[in-house]
Amino acid sequence: MVETLITSAPRHTERAVGGTTVVALHGDIDILTASPLGVRLDDLTAAPHPDLVVDLRAVSFIDCAGLRVLCRARNRTVERHGRLRLVTGSGQFLRILGGAGLDGVFEIYDRLSEAVAAVPGGTLTTAAG
């Protein structure tokens, strides 16, 4: 018997707001979708000084593969002297970050407008648990 593994690209939209690229993710970010998402985030973090906001509000599930992709994007952004901000209203996502030892690693905002308007070194707003 031959099994076929079907992979699907994560659903996302992209738009530019000033010099910031906003990527809104939808659905599951897991082992099936992390690889194509990682390729796209690698493209978006390849240039010097990338400025990226990843909107996770419509993400229904994220596993360790999804966290790995976000960490890689963050590391690439920092290496290139850029910024990566996450937008989430999910206390569950914040607990996942904490459980993985990643709390305090990302800039996290409740609202997209706050993330886009945030200036480097500004006050961070985190989602309520």
N, C-alpha and C. Protein backbone atom coordinates (compact mmCIF):
# COMPACT_ATOMS: atom_id res chain seq x y z
N MET A 1 0.84 -1.17 0.00
CA MET A 1 0.00 0.00 0.00
C MET A 1 0.89 1.24 0.00
N VAL A 2 0.59 2.18 -0.86
CA VAL A 2 1.35 3.41 -0.95
C VAL A 2 0.53 4.53 -0.33
N GLU A 3 1.15 5.23 0.60
CA GLU A 3 0.49 6.37 1.22
C GLU A 3 1.03 7.64 0.59
N THR A 4 0.16 8.57 0.36
CA THR A 4 0.55 9.85 -0.19
C THR A 4 0.35 10.91 0.88
N LEU A 5 1.40 11.65 1.16
CA LEU A 5 1.31 12.74 2.11
C LEU A 5 0.99 14.00 1.33
N ILE A 6 -0.11 14.60 1.67
CA ILE A 6 -0.52 15.83 1.00
C ILE A 6 -0.10 17.00 1.87
N THR A 7 0.69 17.87 1.29
CA THR A 7 1.07 19.07 2.03
C THR A 7 0.35 20.25 1.43
N SER A 8 0.06 21.18 2.27
CA SER A 8 -0.60 22.37 1.78
C SER A 8 0.15 23.59 2.28
N ALA A 9 0.18 24.59 1.46
CA ALA A 9 0.81 25.84 1.87
C ALA A 9 -0.11 26.54 2.85
N PRO A 10 0.47 27.23 3.82
CA PRO A 10 -0.38 27.96 4.74
C PRO A 10 -1.09 29.08 3.99
N ARG A 11 -2.30 29.32 4.38
CA ARG A 11 -3.02 30.44 3.78
C ARG A 11 -2.51 31.70 4.43
N HIS A 12 -2.19 32.67 3.61
CA HIS A 12 -1.75 33.94 4.15
C HIS A 12 -1.99 35.04 3.14
N THR A 13 -2.02 36.25 3.65
CA THR A 13 -2.08 37.43 2.81
C THR A 13 -0.91 38.31 3.20
N GLU A 14 -0.45 39.09 2.27
CA GLU A 14 0.65 40.02 2.52
C GLU A 14 0.25 41.38 2.00
N ARG A 15 0.71 42.40 2.73
CA ARG A 15 0.54 43.76 2.24
C ARG A 15 1.62 44.63 2.85
N ALA A 16 1.90 45.70 2.16
CA ALA A 16 2.90 46.66 2.64
C ALA A 16 2.16 47.82 3.28
N VAL A 17 2.63 48.21 4.46
CA VAL A 17 2.11 49.38 5.15
C VAL A 17 3.33 50.24 5.43
N GLY A 18 3.51 51.27 4.61
CA GLY A 18 4.75 52.04 4.69
C GLY A 18 5.90 51.13 4.33
N GLY A 19 6.92 51.07 5.17
CA GLY A 19 8.05 50.20 4.94
C GLY A 19 7.93 48.85 5.63
N THR A 20 6.76 48.56 6.17
CA THR A 20 6.53 47.32 6.92
C THR A 20 5.74 46.34 6.07
N THR A 21 6.17 45.08 6.07
CA THR A 21 5.40 44.02 5.42
C THR A 21 4.56 43.33 6.48
N VAL A 22 3.26 43.27 6.24
CA VAL A 22 2.33 42.61 7.15
C VAL A 22 1.91 41.29 6.52
N VAL A 23 2.17 40.20 7.23
CA VAL A 23 1.79 38.87 6.78
C VAL A 23 0.72 38.36 7.73
N ALA A 24 -0.48 38.16 7.21
CA ALA A 24 -1.58 37.64 8.03
C ALA A 24 -1.73 36.15 7.73
N LEU A 25 -1.53 35.33 8.75
CA LEU A 25 -1.62 33.88 8.59
C LEU A 25 -2.99 33.39 9.01
N HIS A 26 -3.44 32.30 8.38
CA HIS A 26 -4.76 31.74 8.63
C HIS A 26 -4.66 30.22 8.76
N GLY A 27 -5.43 29.66 9.69
CA GLY A 27 -5.50 28.21 9.80
C GLY A 27 -4.41 27.64 10.69
N ASP A 28 -3.93 26.47 10.32
CA ASP A 28 -2.94 25.74 11.10
C ASP A 28 -1.53 26.03 10.61
N ILE A 29 -0.62 26.22 11.55
CA ILE A 29 0.80 26.32 11.23
C ILE A 29 1.44 25.11 11.90
N ASP A 30 1.64 24.08 11.11
CA ASP A 30 2.10 22.81 11.66
C ASP A 30 3.13 22.18 10.74
N ILE A 31 3.43 20.94 10.97
CA ILE A 31 4.47 20.26 10.19
C ILE A 31 4.15 20.23 8.70
N LEU A 32 2.88 20.28 8.33
CA LEU A 32 2.51 20.27 6.91
C LEU A 32 2.65 21.64 6.26
N THR A 33 2.48 22.69 7.02
CA THR A 33 2.48 24.03 6.43
C THR A 33 3.73 24.84 6.77
N ALA A 34 4.52 24.38 7.73
CA ALA A 34 5.66 25.16 8.20
C ALA A 34 6.73 25.35 7.12
N SER A 35 7.00 24.34 6.34
CA SER A 35 8.07 24.45 5.35
C SER A 35 7.79 25.52 4.29
N PRO A 36 6.63 25.51 3.64
CA PRO A 36 6.38 26.58 2.66
C PRO A 36 6.29 27.96 3.32
N LEU A 37 5.78 28.02 4.53
CA LEU A 37 5.75 29.30 5.24
C LEU A 37 7.17 29.77 5.52
N GLY A 38 8.02 28.85 5.94
CA GLY A 38 9.41 29.19 6.21
C GLY A 38 10.12 29.74 4.99
N VAL A 39 9.85 29.16 3.83
CA VAL A 39 10.45 29.65 2.59
C VAL A 39 10.02 31.09 2.34
N ARG A 40 8.73 31.36 2.53
CA ARG A 40 8.23 32.72 2.30
C ARG A 40 8.82 33.71 3.30
N LEU A 41 8.88 33.32 4.57
CA LEU A 41 9.45 34.21 5.58
C LEU A 41 10.94 34.41 5.36
N ASP A 42 11.63 33.38 4.85
CA ASP A 42 13.05 33.55 4.49
C ASP A 42 13.19 34.62 3.41
N ASP A 43 12.31 34.58 2.41
CA ASP A 43 12.34 35.60 1.35
C ASP A 43 12.13 36.99 1.94
N LEU A 44 11.18 37.10 2.86
CA LEU A 44 10.84 38.41 3.43
C LEU A 44 11.89 38.93 4.40
N THR A 45 12.75 38.05 4.90
CA THR A 45 13.78 38.47 5.85
C THR A 45 15.18 38.42 5.23
N ALA A 46 15.27 38.35 3.91
CA ALA A 46 16.57 38.21 3.25
C ALA A 46 17.31 39.53 3.10
N ALA A 47 16.60 40.62 2.96
CA ALA A 47 17.25 41.91 2.73
C ALA A 47 17.72 42.52 4.05
N PRO A 48 18.63 43.49 3.97
CA PRO A 48 19.03 44.20 5.19
C PRO A 48 17.83 44.97 5.77
N HIS A 49 17.76 45.04 7.08
CA HIS A 49 16.75 45.80 7.81
C HIS A 49 15.30 45.40 7.49
N PRO A 50 14.99 44.11 7.49
CA PRO A 50 13.60 43.75 7.23
C PRO A 50 12.69 44.26 8.35
N ASP A 51 11.50 44.67 7.97
CA ASP A 51 10.51 45.14 8.94
C ASP A 51 9.24 44.34 8.67
N LEU A 52 8.95 43.41 9.58
CA LEU A 52 7.90 42.42 9.34
C LEU A 52 6.97 42.33 10.54
N VAL A 53 5.68 42.31 10.25
CA VAL A 53 4.65 42.04 11.25
C VAL A 53 3.94 40.77 10.82
N VAL A 54 3.89 39.78 11.71
CA VAL A 54 3.17 38.54 11.43
C VAL A 54 1.92 38.52 12.28
N ASP A 55 0.78 38.56 11.61
CA ASP A 55 -0.53 38.59 12.28
C ASP A 55 -1.01 37.15 12.46
N LEU A 56 -1.05 36.72 13.70
CA LEU A 56 -1.43 35.34 14.03
C LEU A 56 -2.87 35.22 14.54
N ARG A 57 -3.64 36.28 14.49
CA ARG A 57 -4.98 36.25 15.08
C ARG A 57 -5.91 35.22 14.45
N ALA A 58 -5.70 34.87 13.20
CA ALA A 58 -6.55 33.88 12.54
C ALA A 58 -5.92 32.49 12.51
N VAL A 59 -4.84 32.30 13.26
CA VAL A 59 -4.21 30.97 13.35
C VAL A 59 -4.96 30.17 14.40
N SER A 60 -5.42 29.00 14.00
CA SER A 60 -6.20 28.16 14.92
C SER A 60 -5.33 27.15 15.66
N PHE A 61 -4.13 26.87 15.15
CA PHE A 61 -3.26 25.88 15.76
C PHE A 61 -1.83 26.15 15.34
N ILE A 62 -0.89 25.98 16.27
CA ILE A 62 0.52 26.06 15.93
C ILE A 62 1.25 24.99 16.73
N ASP A 63 2.15 24.27 16.06
CA ASP A 63 2.93 23.24 16.76
C ASP A 63 4.39 23.66 16.78
N CYS A 64 5.26 22.75 17.20
CA CYS A 64 6.68 23.08 17.34
C CYS A 64 7.30 23.44 15.99
N ALA A 65 6.81 22.86 14.91
CA ALA A 65 7.33 23.22 13.58
C ALA A 65 6.99 24.68 13.27
N GLY A 66 5.80 25.10 13.64
CA GLY A 66 5.41 26.49 13.44
C GLY A 66 6.22 27.44 14.30
N LEU A 67 6.47 27.05 15.54
CA LEU A 67 7.31 27.87 16.41
C LEU A 67 8.73 27.99 15.85
N ARG A 68 9.23 26.89 15.31
CA ARG A 68 10.57 26.90 14.73
C ARG A 68 10.65 27.91 13.59
N VAL A 69 9.63 27.96 12.74
CA VAL A 69 9.61 28.90 11.62
C VAL A 69 9.60 30.33 12.14
N LEU A 70 8.81 30.60 13.16
CA LEU A 70 8.77 31.95 13.73
C LEU A 70 10.11 32.33 14.36
N CYS A 71 10.73 31.38 15.05
CA CYS A 71 12.05 31.64 15.65
C CYS A 71 13.09 31.91 14.58
N ARG A 72 13.06 31.13 13.51
CA ARG A 72 14.02 31.34 12.42
C ARG A 72 13.82 32.73 11.81
N ALA A 73 12.57 33.11 11.57
CA ALA A 73 12.29 34.44 11.00
C ALA A 73 12.79 35.54 11.95
N ARG A 74 12.58 35.35 13.23
CA ARG A 74 13.04 36.33 14.22
C ARG A 74 14.56 36.42 14.21
N ASN A 75 15.24 35.28 14.20
CA ASN A 75 16.69 35.28 14.22
C ASN A 75 17.27 35.92 12.96
N ARG A 76 16.68 35.61 11.81
CA ARG A 76 17.14 36.21 10.56
C ARG A 76 16.92 37.72 10.56
N THR A 77 15.81 38.14 11.12
CA THR A 77 15.51 39.57 11.19
C THR A 77 16.51 40.29 12.09
N VAL A 78 16.77 39.73 13.25
CA VAL A 78 17.73 40.33 14.18
C VAL A 78 19.12 40.38 13.56
N GLU A 79 19.54 39.31 12.90
CA GLU A 79 20.86 39.27 12.26
C GLU A 79 21.01 40.38 11.21
N ARG A 80 19.90 40.76 10.60
CA ARG A 80 19.92 41.77 9.54
C ARG A 80 19.51 43.15 10.06
N HIS A 81 19.50 43.28 11.39
CA HIS A 81 19.20 44.55 12.05
C HIS A 81 17.80 45.07 11.70
N GLY A 82 16.84 44.15 11.63
CA GLY A 82 15.47 44.51 11.35
C GLY A 82 14.58 44.26 12.54
N ARG A 83 13.28 44.19 12.28
CA ARG A 83 12.29 43.96 13.35
C ARG A 83 11.25 42.96 12.88
N LEU A 84 10.84 42.14 13.83
CA LEU A 84 9.73 41.20 13.63
C LEU A 84 8.79 41.37 14.81
N ARG A 85 7.53 41.65 14.52
CA ARG A 85 6.51 41.75 15.55
C ARG A 85 5.42 40.73 15.28
N LEU A 86 4.88 40.16 16.35
CA LEU A 86 3.76 39.23 16.25
C LEU A 86 2.51 39.91 16.79
N VAL A 87 1.38 39.62 16.14
CA VAL A 87 0.10 40.11 16.62
C VAL A 87 -0.75 38.90 16.96
N THR A 88 -1.22 38.87 18.21
CA THR A 88 -2.08 37.77 18.64
C THR A 88 -2.94 38.24 19.80
N GLY A 89 -4.15 37.76 19.83
CA GLY A 89 -5.02 38.00 20.97
C GLY A 89 -5.21 36.72 21.76
N SER A 90 -4.36 35.75 21.51
CA SER A 90 -4.54 34.41 22.07
C SER A 90 -3.67 34.19 23.31
N GLY A 91 -4.34 34.05 24.44
CA GLY A 91 -3.64 33.68 25.66
C GLY A 91 -3.02 32.30 25.52
N GLN A 92 -3.68 31.43 24.78
CA GLN A 92 -3.16 30.08 24.57
C GLN A 92 -1.81 30.13 23.84
N PHE A 93 -1.70 30.97 22.83
CA PHE A 93 -0.44 31.10 22.11
C PHE A 93 0.65 31.62 23.04
N LEU A 94 0.31 32.58 23.89
CA LEU A 94 1.29 33.10 24.84
C LEU A 94 1.74 32.03 25.82
N ARG A 95 0.82 31.16 26.23
CA ARG A 95 1.19 30.05 27.11
C ARG A 95 2.10 29.06 26.40
N ILE A 96 1.85 28.83 25.12
CA ILE A 96 2.72 27.95 24.33
C ILE A 96 4.13 28.54 24.26
N LEU A 97 4.21 29.85 24.00
CA LEU A 97 5.52 30.49 23.99
C LEU A 97 6.22 30.34 25.33
N GLY A 98 5.48 30.55 26.40
CA GLY A 98 6.06 30.41 27.74
C GLY A 98 6.53 29.00 28.01
N GLY A 99 5.73 28.01 27.63
CA GLY A 99 6.09 26.62 27.82
C GLY A 99 7.32 26.21 27.04
N ALA A 100 7.52 26.88 25.91
CA ALA A 100 8.70 26.59 25.08
C ALA A 100 9.91 27.43 25.48
N GLY A 101 9.74 28.24 26.52
CA GLY A 101 10.83 29.10 26.96
C GLY A 101 11.06 30.29 26.04
N LEU A 102 10.03 30.67 25.30
CA LEU A 102 10.16 31.75 24.32
C LEU A 102 9.45 33.04 24.75
N ASP A 103 8.92 33.06 25.98
CA ASP A 103 8.28 34.30 26.41
C ASP A 103 9.36 35.37 26.56
N GLY A 104 9.06 36.55 26.10
CA GLY A 104 10.03 37.64 26.12
C GLY A 104 10.96 37.68 24.93
N VAL A 105 10.87 36.70 24.03
CA VAL A 105 11.74 36.66 22.86
C VAL A 105 11.19 37.51 21.72
N PHE A 106 9.88 37.52 21.56
CA PHE A 106 9.23 38.23 20.47
C PHE A 106 8.59 39.52 20.96
N GLU A 107 8.51 40.50 20.07
CA GLU A 107 7.66 41.67 20.32
C GLU A 107 6.24 41.21 20.01
N ILE A 108 5.34 41.32 20.97
CA ILE A 108 3.97 40.83 20.79
C ILE A 108 2.98 41.96 21.07
N TYR A 109 2.02 42.08 20.18
CA TYR A 109 0.99 43.11 20.29
C TYR A 109 -0.39 42.49 20.19
N ASP A 110 -1.35 43.15 20.82
CA ASP A 110 -2.75 42.74 20.74
C ASP A 110 -3.38 43.14 19.41
N ARG A 111 -2.99 44.30 18.93
CA ARG A 111 -3.66 44.88 17.76
C ARG A 111 -2.66 45.12 16.64
N LEU A 112 -3.13 44.88 15.44
CA LEU A 112 -2.30 45.10 14.26
C LEU A 112 -1.88 46.55 14.17
N SER A 113 -2.78 47.46 14.42
CA SER A 113 -2.46 48.88 14.32
C SER A 113 -1.33 49.26 15.27
N GLU A 114 -1.31 48.66 16.46
CA GLU A 114 -0.24 48.95 17.42
C GLU A 114 1.10 48.39 16.93
N ALA A 115 1.07 47.21 16.36
CA ALA A 115 2.31 46.59 15.88
C ALA A 115 2.91 47.37 14.73
N VAL A 116 2.07 47.82 13.82
CA VAL A 116 2.55 48.56 12.66
C VAL A 116 3.06 49.93 13.07
N ALA A 117 2.38 50.56 14.02
CA ALA A 117 2.76 51.91 14.46
C ALA A 117 3.91 51.92 15.46
N ALA A 118 4.24 50.76 16.03
CA ALA A 118 5.24 50.69 17.09
C ALA A 118 6.60 51.15 16.59
N VAL A 119 7.25 51.96 17.40
CA VAL A 119 8.59 52.42 17.07
C VAL A 119 9.61 51.54 17.78
N PRO A 120 10.77 51.37 17.21
CA PRO A 120 11.78 50.54 17.88
C PRO A 120 12.05 51.04 19.30
N GLY A 121 12.10 50.08 20.22
CA GLY A 121 12.36 50.43 21.61
C GLY A 121 11.15 50.96 22.35
N GLY A 122 9.98 50.96 21.69
CA GLY A 122 8.77 51.47 22.32
C GLY A 122 8.21 50.47 23.33
N THR A 123 7.15 50.87 23.99
CA THR A 123 6.50 50.02 24.98
C THR A 123 5.75 48.91 24.28
N LEU A 124 5.90 47.70 24.77
CA LEU A 124 5.23 46.55 24.19
C LEU A 124 3.90 46.33 24.87
N THR A 125 2.93 45.91 24.10
CA THR A 125 1.63 45.53 24.62
C THR A 125 1.49 44.05 24.39
N THR A 126 1.15 43.29 25.43
CA THR A 126 0.96 41.86 25.26
C THR A 126 -0.49 41.51 25.46
N ALA A 127 -0.89 40.42 24.83
CA ALA A 127 -2.27 39.96 24.94
C ALA A 127 -2.54 39.48 26.37
N ALA A 128 -3.74 39.73 26.82
CA ALA A 128 -4.15 39.26 28.15
C ALA A 128 -4.37 37.77 28.12
N GLY A 129 -4.01 37.09 29.22
CA GLY A 129 -4.12 35.64 29.31
C GLY A 129 -5.51 35.21 29.24
